[in-house]
Protein backbone atom coordinates (compact mmCIF):
# COMPACT_ATOMS: atom_id res chain seq x y z
CA MET A 1 -29.73 4.12 11.86
CA ASN A 2 -30.18 2.95 8.08
CA ALA A 3 -27.18 0.73 6.67
CA ARG A 4 -26.18 3.91 4.13
CA HIS A 5 -25.70 6.01 7.09
CA ALA A 6 -23.66 3.43 9.01
CA GLY A 7 -21.42 2.60 6.06
CA THR A 8 -20.88 6.81 5.67
CA LEU A 9 -19.87 6.66 9.24
CA GLY A 10 -17.45 3.67 8.66
CA ARG A 11 -15.53 5.45 5.76
CA LEU A 12 -15.57 8.54 8.21
CA ALA A 13 -14.08 6.62 11.17
CA ALA A 14 -11.28 5.02 8.97
CA ALA A 15 -10.38 8.34 7.37
CA VAL A 16 -10.06 9.65 10.49
CA HIS A 17 -8.06 7.05 12.38
CA SER A 18 -6.20 5.99 9.11
CA GLY A 19 -2.51 6.06 10.46
CA PRO A 20 -3.27 3.51 13.16
CA LEU A 21 -5.35 1.26 10.65
CA ASP A 22 -2.76 1.17 8.18
CA ARG A 23 -0.64 -0.05 10.72
CA ALA A 24 -2.46 -3.13 11.70
CA LEU A 25 -2.97 -3.56 8.13
CA ILE A 26 0.82 -3.51 7.48
CA ASP A 27 1.00 -5.94 10.17
CA GLY A 28 -1.14 -8.24 9.00
CA ALA A 29 -4.47 -7.69 10.83
CA ASP A 30 -7.60 -9.10 8.97
CA PRO A 31 -9.19 -6.50 6.88
CA GLN A 32 -12.45 -8.27 7.76
CA SER A 33 -11.92 -8.37 11.63
CA SER A 34 -13.24 -4.92 12.48
CA PRO A 35 -15.25 -2.76 10.43
CA ARG A 36 -13.04 0.21 10.58
CA LEU A 37 -10.11 -2.08 9.18
CA ALA A 38 -12.68 -3.31 6.09
CA ALA A 39 -14.00 0.71 5.62
CA ARG A 40 -9.89 1.40 5.40
CA ALA A 41 -9.10 -1.49 3.44
CA ALA A 42 -11.42 -0.42 0.82
CA THR A 43 -10.07 3.04 0.50
CA LEU A 44 -6.98 1.61 0.13
CA THR A 45 -7.72 -0.62 -2.55
CA SER A 46 -10.25 1.57 -4.20
CA VAL A 47 -9.14 2.77 -8.13
CA ARG A 48 -9.32 6.04 -7.22
CA ARG A 49 -7.08 5.31 -4.74
CA ARG A 50 -4.30 3.36 -6.06
CA ALA A 51 -4.45 5.77 -8.94
CA SER A 52 -3.79 8.80 -7.12
CA LEU A 53 -1.23 6.68 -5.18
CA ALA A 54 0.45 5.30 -8.39
CA ASP A 55 0.65 9.02 -9.81
CA GLY A 56 2.43 10.19 -6.82
CA ILE A 57 5.31 7.38 -7.38
CA GLU A 58 5.57 8.53 -10.83
CA ARG A 59 6.04 12.17 -10.17
CA TRP A 60 8.55 11.33 -7.66
CA VAL A 61 10.49 8.62 -9.97
CA ARG A 62 9.88 10.99 -13.03
CA ALA A 63 11.78 14.12 -10.48
CA LEU A 64 14.95 12.39 -11.18
CA GLU A 65 14.96 12.85 -14.80
CA GLN A 66 13.34 16.56 -15.05
CA PRO A 67 14.65 18.05 -11.40
CA SER A 68 12.15 21.07 -10.86
CA SER A 69 13.08 24.38 -9.76
CA ARG A 70 10.17 24.67 -7.35
CA HIS A 71 11.19 24.38 -3.59
CA ARG A 72 9.28 21.22 -2.10
CA VAL A 73 10.31 18.37 -0.33
CA MET A 74 11.50 15.31 -2.27
CA PRO A 75 12.69 12.04 -1.80
CA ALA A 76 16.35 11.99 -1.74
CA ARG A 77 17.89 11.23 -5.29
CA ASP A 78 19.88 8.62 -4.46
CA ALA A 79 17.87 6.23 -2.70
CA THR A 80 15.18 6.86 -5.51
CA ALA A 81 17.40 6.08 -7.82
CA ASP A 82 18.58 3.02 -6.64
CA SER A 83 14.86 2.32 -6.03
CA ALA A 84 13.58 3.28 -9.36
CA ALA A 85 12.69 0.05 -11.10
CA GLY A 86 10.96 -1.21 -8.08
CA LEU A 87 9.11 1.66 -7.84
CA ARG A 88 8.14 1.44 -11.41
CA GLU A 89 6.63 -1.83 -10.48
CA LEU A 90 4.58 -1.03 -7.87
CA VAL A 91 2.94 1.52 -10.05
CA ALA A 92 2.10 -1.21 -12.64
CA ARG A 93 0.93 -3.20 -9.67
CA LEU A 94 -1.44 -0.22 -8.22
CA ARG A 95 -3.04 0.09 -11.96
CA ALA A 96 -4.08 -3.60 -12.67
CA ALA A 97 -7.10 -4.03 -12.83
CA ASP A 98 -7.27 -6.77 -10.00
CA PRO A 99 -7.78 -4.95 -6.88
CA PRO A 100 -4.32 -5.68 -4.29
CA PRO A 101 -4.11 -6.51 -0.85
CA ALA A 102 -4.40 -3.83 1.62
CA ARG A 103 -1.48 -4.21 3.11
CA ALA A 104 0.47 -4.19 -0.17
CA VAL A 105 -1.20 -0.48 -0.68
CA ALA A 106 -0.78 0.96 2.55
CA LEU A 107 3.24 -0.35 2.36
CA ALA A 108 3.54 0.98 -0.87
CA GLN A 109 1.54 4.39 0.86
CA ARG A 110 3.77 4.83 3.93
CA LEU A 111 6.88 4.79 1.17
CA VAL A 112 5.65 7.98 -0.17
CA SER A 113 3.58 9.58 2.46
CA ASP A 114 5.67 8.86 6.21
CA GLY A 115 7.84 11.85 5.34
CA ALA A 116 10.32 11.37 8.18
CA ALA A 117 9.90 8.40 8.63
CA SER A 118 10.18 7.19 5.21
CA PRO A 119 14.14 6.06 4.22
CA ALA A 120 13.60 7.83 0.87
CA TYR A 121 13.48 10.90 2.96
CA GLY A 122 16.40 10.22 4.71
CA ASN A 123 18.39 8.82 1.95
CA ASP A 124 18.70 5.27 3.14
CA THR A 125 19.12 3.53 0.30
CA ALA A 126 19.38 -0.26 1.72
CA ALA A 127 16.28 0.70 3.54
CA LEU A 128 14.45 2.03 0.59
CA ARG A 129 15.33 -0.68 -1.13
CA ARG A 130 13.91 -3.08 1.42
CA GLY A 131 10.96 -0.86 2.00
CA VAL A 132 9.95 -1.36 -2.11
CA GLU A 133 10.71 -5.15 -1.82
CA GLN A 134 8.34 -5.63 1.14
CA ALA A 135 5.71 -3.95 -0.83
CA ARG A 136 6.09 -5.53 -4.11
CA VAL A 137 5.96 -9.43 -2.23
CA ALA A 138 2.89 -8.00 -0.50
CA PHE A 139 1.15 -7.31 -3.75
CA VAL A 140 1.78 -11.47 -4.71
CA ALA A 141 1.98 -13.04 -1.91
CA PRO A 142 -1.16 -15.46 -1.00
CA THR A 143 -3.81 -13.83 0.98
CA ARG A 144 -4.48 -16.25 4.38
CA VAL A 145 -7.78 -16.71 5.85
CA GLY A 146 -7.64 -19.62 8.50
CA LEU A 147 -6.54 -22.35 7.22
CA SER A 148 -7.17 -21.31 3.11
CA TYR A 149 -5.00 -19.13 1.32
CA ARG A 150 -5.37 -16.94 -2.38
CA SER A 151 -2.82 -17.50 -4.54
CA PRO A 152 -1.42 -14.84 -6.78
CA ASP A 153 -3.20 -16.72 -9.61
CA GLY A 154 -6.01 -15.55 -7.84
CA ALA A 155 -7.25 -19.25 -7.20
CA TRP A 156 -8.38 -20.36 -3.99
CA VAL A 157 -6.55 -23.46 -1.88
CA HIS A 158 -8.42 -24.73 0.87
CA GLY A 159 -6.11 -26.34 3.75
CA ARG A 160 -7.29 -28.49 6.37
CA ARG A 161 -6.06 -30.18 9.58
CA ASP A 162 -4.72 -33.51 10.18
CA GLY A 163 -4.87 -35.06 13.19
């Protein structure tokens, strides 16, 4: 099997198992710890996926100002209105040039795509606010690899063990 074929199989497996892989990334799994997690992280952080997610969040927030007569399931208005500023910030971070941590994108995606489990659909204003804040913080939180971490400005800080 050539490398290209193996990469395609890895991306396909990551797409089929996206739910569990997203949960693992949200829980803090290192994307480089398995080929499936790496493939899923690459998909989540791709420009195309981030743009699509940002578009979806924008439509969600815009629906507050321009209610549609179409019959479709939309997040609850009260919860969305309360978190609109945070949701707009997520859109800006998703559209940023630098790829964000996969965990941050998975958290943002869970807010809009997890239907019954999303606090937005249950009109749980406080829970949606917490979810938006958790995703927002994940965009700026340092990325850790062992004792080293990457700060929000992109610089790597290398830790060491004293002893």
